Amino acid sequence: MPLAFSASQALQLPVKHHAAQLAAYLDDEQRVIEALLEGDHLTAIGPGRYRYTVTKLQVFQLQIQPVVELVARRSPNRIELEAVDCQLEGLGVVDDFQLSLNSWLEAQGDALIGEASLGVSVSQPSLLKLIPPKVLEATGRSLLAGILLGIQTRVGQQLLANFEDWCLSNSSR
């Protein structure tokens, strides 16, 4: 029986300055995605497609590193990210690993709102067979919640700073 766990995080971030430019900023897809994620772990692989190497994670005695292929979609005032493929480095061959990520960020008035949902389904690795599945699932939920909290923190700091820089560079043109 595979282990399955998920987490989600909502965002409501007030923007004090230049809020009228939020929609135009969200149209600068690569810049926004680099600000949302760690830019040095992100590679553009085609129009609207990115490869993101997640920082190595320690789960009990295992060290794993997901490499996720993301698709970005834009619509007025909104950008969406979805994971379409994921390879898991560090566990050897895992045939049934599945990662889902669906997230969106939208300009609404003088705020950025959004939501991210992250889920994983995987068989119990042989190195962890002695640990009860419920403990592994609770650990997995905690790990995913921590990843989403880290992204939310980056959005609250990095993205707003990046937006301010973008506004300044656009006003000087």
Protein backbone atom coordinates (compact mmCIF):
# COMPACT_ATOMS: atom_id res chain seq x y z
CA MET A 1 0.00 0.00 0.00
CA PRO A 2 1.51 3.36 -0.99
CA LEU A 3 2.02 6.16 1.48
CA ALA A 4 0.10 9.31 0.62
CA PHE A 5 0.28 12.73 2.20
CA SER A 6 -0.53 16.29 1.22
CA ALA A 7 -0.51 19.86 2.45
CA SER A 8 -1.87 23.17 1.26
CA GLN A 9 -1.19 26.80 2.07
CA ALA A 10 -3.23 29.93 1.32
CA LEU A 11 -1.76 33.39 0.88
CA GLN A 12 -3.14 36.88 1.23
CA LEU A 13 -0.40 39.47 0.96
CA PRO A 14 -1.18 43.21 1.06
CA VAL A 15 0.90 45.33 -1.32
CA LYS A 16 1.41 48.89 -0.09
CA HIS A 17 3.12 50.52 -3.08
CA HIS A 18 2.52 50.28 -6.85
CA ALA A 19 -0.41 47.84 -6.47
CA ALA A 20 -1.80 49.00 -9.83
CA GLN A 21 1.25 47.37 -11.48
CA LEU A 22 0.76 43.90 -9.92
CA ALA A 23 -1.00 42.44 -12.97
CA ALA A 24 1.77 43.61 -15.32
CA TYR A 25 4.39 42.18 -12.95
CA LEU A 26 2.69 38.78 -12.95
CA ASP A 27 3.01 38.79 -16.76
CA ASP A 28 6.83 38.71 -16.35
CA GLU A 29 6.57 34.93 -15.90
CA GLN A 30 10.21 33.89 -15.53
CA ARG A 31 11.02 36.73 -13.15
CA VAL A 32 8.03 35.89 -10.93
CA ILE A 33 8.82 32.17 -10.87
CA GLU A 34 12.47 32.83 -10.04
CA ALA A 35 11.32 35.03 -7.15
CA LEU A 36 8.83 32.41 -5.93
CA LEU A 37 11.31 29.55 -6.03
CA GLU A 38 15.04 29.55 -5.51
CA GLY A 39 16.27 30.98 -8.82
CA ASP A 40 19.61 29.16 -8.67
CA HIS A 41 17.72 25.82 -8.54
CA LEU A 42 15.51 26.70 -11.52
CA THR A 43 16.19 26.12 -15.23
CA ALA A 44 13.97 27.31 -18.08
CA ILE A 45 13.55 24.35 -20.46
CA GLY A 46 11.11 25.87 -22.92
CA PRO A 47 8.30 28.41 -23.16
CA GLY A 48 6.34 28.19 -19.91
CA ARG A 49 8.34 25.11 -18.78
CA TYR A 50 10.89 24.90 -15.97
CA ARG A 51 12.94 22.30 -14.14
CA TYR A 52 13.25 22.90 -10.41
CA THR A 53 15.73 21.02 -8.26
CA VAL A 54 14.37 21.05 -4.72
CA THR A 55 16.88 21.52 -1.91
CA LYS A 56 17.92 18.13 -0.50
CA LEU A 57 15.53 16.86 2.15
CA GLN A 58 16.38 14.59 5.07
CA VAL A 59 13.66 12.04 5.90
CA PHE A 60 14.73 9.83 8.79
CA GLN A 61 17.98 8.27 7.50
CA LEU A 62 17.30 9.04 3.84
CA GLN A 63 18.42 12.07 1.91
CA ILE A 64 16.28 12.78 -1.14
CA GLN A 65 16.19 15.46 -3.80
CA PRO A 66 13.11 15.87 -6.00
CA VAL A 67 13.62 17.30 -9.48
CA VAL A 68 10.30 18.70 -10.68
CA GLU A 69 9.21 19.76 -14.14
CA LEU A 70 6.81 22.70 -13.91
CA VAL A 71 4.41 24.26 -16.39
CA ALA A 72 3.42 27.89 -15.98
CA ARG A 73 0.15 29.26 -17.28
CA ARG A 74 -0.85 32.90 -17.33
CA SER A 75 -4.18 34.63 -17.57
CA PRO A 76 -5.11 38.22 -16.79
CA ASN A 77 -3.92 39.13 -13.27
CA ARG A 78 -2.91 35.52 -12.57
CA ILE A 79 -0.10 33.01 -12.88
CA GLU A 80 -0.44 29.27 -12.22
CA LEU A 81 2.21 26.59 -11.70
CA GLU A 82 1.65 22.86 -12.03
CA ALA A 83 4.07 19.97 -11.62
CA VAL A 84 3.85 17.70 -14.67
CA ASP A 85 6.73 15.35 -13.87
CA CYS A 86 9.02 14.57 -10.96
CA GLN A 87 12.09 12.42 -10.53
CA LEU A 88 13.23 11.49 -7.07
CA GLU A 89 16.99 11.35 -6.60
CA GLY A 90 18.41 9.62 -3.54
CA LEU A 91 16.13 6.60 -3.13
CA GLY A 92 17.37 4.57 -6.07
CA VAL A 93 14.66 3.31 -8.40
CA VAL A 94 11.19 4.17 -7.13
CA ASP A 95 8.59 3.19 -9.71
CA ASP A 96 5.50 4.53 -8.03
CA PHE A 97 6.57 7.96 -6.77
CA GLN A 98 4.07 10.66 -7.71
CA LEU A 99 4.18 14.33 -6.80
CA SER A 100 1.39 16.79 -7.42
CA LEU A 101 1.73 20.54 -7.18
CA ASN A 102 -0.94 23.02 -8.13
CA SER A 103 -0.53 26.66 -7.23
CA TRP A 104 -1.72 30.04 -8.31
CA LEU A 105 -0.99 33.67 -7.53
CA GLU A 106 -3.38 36.47 -8.46
CA ALA A 107 -3.41 40.26 -8.26
CA GLN A 108 -6.63 41.44 -6.62
CA GLY A 109 -6.85 45.14 -5.87
CA ASP A 110 -3.97 46.01 -3.54
CA ALA A 111 -3.07 42.43 -2.63
CA LEU A 112 -1.61 39.23 -3.96
CA ILE A 113 -3.67 36.19 -3.11
CA GLY A 114 -2.90 32.60 -3.86
CA GLU A 115 -2.88 28.99 -2.86
CA ALA A 116 -0.53 26.04 -3.22
CA SER A 117 -1.37 22.35 -2.81
CA LEU A 118 1.38 19.76 -2.67
CA GLY A 119 0.89 16.00 -2.51
CA VAL A 120 3.03 12.87 -2.63
CA SER A 121 2.23 9.21 -3.12
CA VAL A 122 5.01 6.60 -2.86
CA SER A 123 5.57 3.06 -1.69
CA GLN A 124 7.31 2.67 1.64
CA PRO A 125 11.07 2.55 0.96
CA SER A 126 12.70 -0.68 2.13
CA LEU A 127 15.05 1.26 4.41
CA LEU A 128 12.00 2.52 6.32
CA LYS A 129 9.98 -0.73 6.54
CA LEU A 130 10.28 -0.85 10.33
CA ILE A 131 8.62 2.55 10.77
CA PRO A 132 4.80 2.42 10.90
CA PRO A 133 3.12 3.92 7.81
CA LYS A 134 1.11 6.37 9.95
CA VAL A 135 4.35 7.81 11.36
CA LEU A 136 5.79 8.14 7.85
CA GLU A 137 2.62 9.83 6.60
CA ALA A 138 2.60 12.29 9.51
CA THR A 139 6.27 13.04 8.84
CA GLY A 140 5.50 13.48 5.14
CA ARG A 141 2.65 15.91 5.83
CA SER A 142 4.92 17.88 8.14
CA LEU A 143 7.67 17.95 5.52
CA LEU A 144 5.31 19.16 2.78
CA ALA A 145 3.81 21.79 5.08
CA GLY A 146 7.36 23.00 5.81
CA ILE A 147 8.12 23.28 2.09
CA LEU A 148 4.95 25.30 1.50
CA LEU A 149 5.67 27.51 4.51
CA GLY A 150 9.14 28.20 3.08
CA ILE A 151 7.59 29.19 -0.25
CA GLN A 152 5.08 31.41 1.56
CA THR A 153 7.91 33.10 3.44
CA ARG A 154 9.78 33.69 0.17
CA VAL A 155 6.62 35.13 -1.39
CA GLY A 156 6.21 37.47 1.56
CA GLN A 157 9.80 38.70 1.38
CA GLN A 158 11.53 37.88 -1.89
CA LEU A 159 8.57 38.36 -4.20
CA LEU A 160 7.64 41.74 -2.74
CA ALA A 161 11.25 42.94 -2.91
CA ASN A 162 11.49 41.66 -6.48
CA PHE A 163 8.23 43.44 -7.33
CA GLU A 164 9.59 46.73 -5.92
CA ASP A 165 12.80 46.31 -7.97
CA TRP A 166 10.71 45.56 -11.07
CA CYS A 167 8.64 48.72 -10.48
CA LEU A 168 11.79 50.84 -10.11
CA SER A 169 13.39 49.42 -13.25
CA ASN A 170 10.19 49.96 -15.26
CA SER A 171 9.80 53.57 -14.07
CA SER A 172 13.33 54.40 -15.22
CA ARG A 173 12.57 53.29 -18.79
